[in-house]
Amino acid sequence: MDWSDLLAAFALYLVIEGLLPFVSPRNWKQSVAMIAQLSDKQLRIFGLVSMLAGLMLLAFVRG
């Protein structure tokens, strides 16, 4: 892996993160408001699950 792979992954992340606020700003605001109401523990668990899913996907893709 070189820096171009990391930058490409970061660019793709930015594109994906920008999709929802661009396509549906009202729903995106509601989602962010709901996330803000989660407890720290719930948010931490969500973050852990998200990281594990990303690692599993990366391991699958990179084989």
Protein backbone atom coordinates (compact mmCIF):
# COMPACT_ATOMS: atom_id res chain seq x y z
CA MET A 1 0.00 0.00 0.00
CA ASP A 2 1.27 3.42 -0.83
CA TRP A 3 0.09 6.95 -0.16
CA SER A 4 -2.02 7.08 -3.31
CA ASP A 5 -4.17 4.22 -1.97
CA LEU A 6 -4.68 6.05 1.32
CA LEU A 7 -5.54 9.30 -0.43
CA ALA A 8 -7.94 7.50 -2.78
CA ALA A 9 -9.66 5.88 0.20
CA PHE A 10 -9.94 9.26 1.95
CA ALA A 11 -11.34 10.86 -1.21
CA LEU A 12 -13.95 8.11 -1.49
CA TYR A 13 -14.84 8.60 2.18
CA LEU A 14 -15.43 12.31 1.56
CA VAL A 15 -17.63 11.56 -1.47
CA ILE A 16 -19.72 9.07 0.50
CA GLU A 17 -20.01 11.38 3.50
CA GLY A 18 -21.18 14.20 1.26
CA LEU A 19 -23.87 12.19 -0.50
CA LEU A 20 -26.57 12.31 2.18
CA PRO A 21 -26.40 16.03 2.97
CA PHE A 22 -26.40 16.75 -0.77
CA VAL A 23 -29.27 14.42 -1.70
CA SER A 24 -31.48 14.87 1.35
CA PRO A 25 -30.41 17.69 3.66
CA ARG A 26 -33.56 17.58 5.80
CA ASN A 27 -33.26 13.85 6.55
CA TRP A 28 -29.53 14.26 7.17
CA LYS A 29 -30.23 16.98 9.77
CA GLN A 30 -32.78 14.74 11.48
CA SER A 31 -30.30 11.85 11.55
CA VAL A 32 -27.58 14.03 13.05
CA ALA A 33 -30.03 15.28 15.69
CA MET A 34 -30.96 11.69 16.59
CA ILE A 35 -27.29 10.70 16.82
CA ALA A 36 -26.62 13.67 19.10
CA GLN A 37 -29.23 12.31 21.54
CA LEU A 38 -27.49 8.92 21.90
CA SER A 39 -25.64 8.22 25.11
CA ASP A 40 -21.85 8.04 25.05
CA LYS A 41 -22.01 4.28 25.52
CA GLN A 42 -24.41 3.80 22.58
CA LEU A 43 -22.28 6.03 20.37
CA ARG A 44 -19.13 4.17 21.38
CA ILE A 45 -20.72 0.81 20.57
CA PHE A 46 -21.90 2.16 17.20
CA GLY A 47 -18.35 3.37 16.48
CA LEU A 48 -16.86 0.00 17.44
CA VAL A 49 -19.32 -1.92 15.24
CA SER A 50 -18.60 0.47 12.37
CA MET A 51 -14.84 0.03 12.72
CA LEU A 52 -15.12 -3.76 12.89
CA ALA A 53 -17.34 -3.84 9.81
CA GLY A 54 -14.84 -1.66 7.97
CA LEU A 55 -11.94 -3.88 8.98
CA MET A 56 -13.79 -7.00 7.86
CA LEU A 57 -14.66 -5.38 4.53
CA LEU A 58 -11.07 -4.26 4.05
CA ALA A 59 -9.76 -7.75 4.83
CA PHE A 60 -12.27 -9.23 2.35
CA VAL A 61 -11.37 -6.75 -0.39
CA ARG A 62 -7.61 -6.99 0.13
CA GLY A 63 -7.86 -10.79 0.52
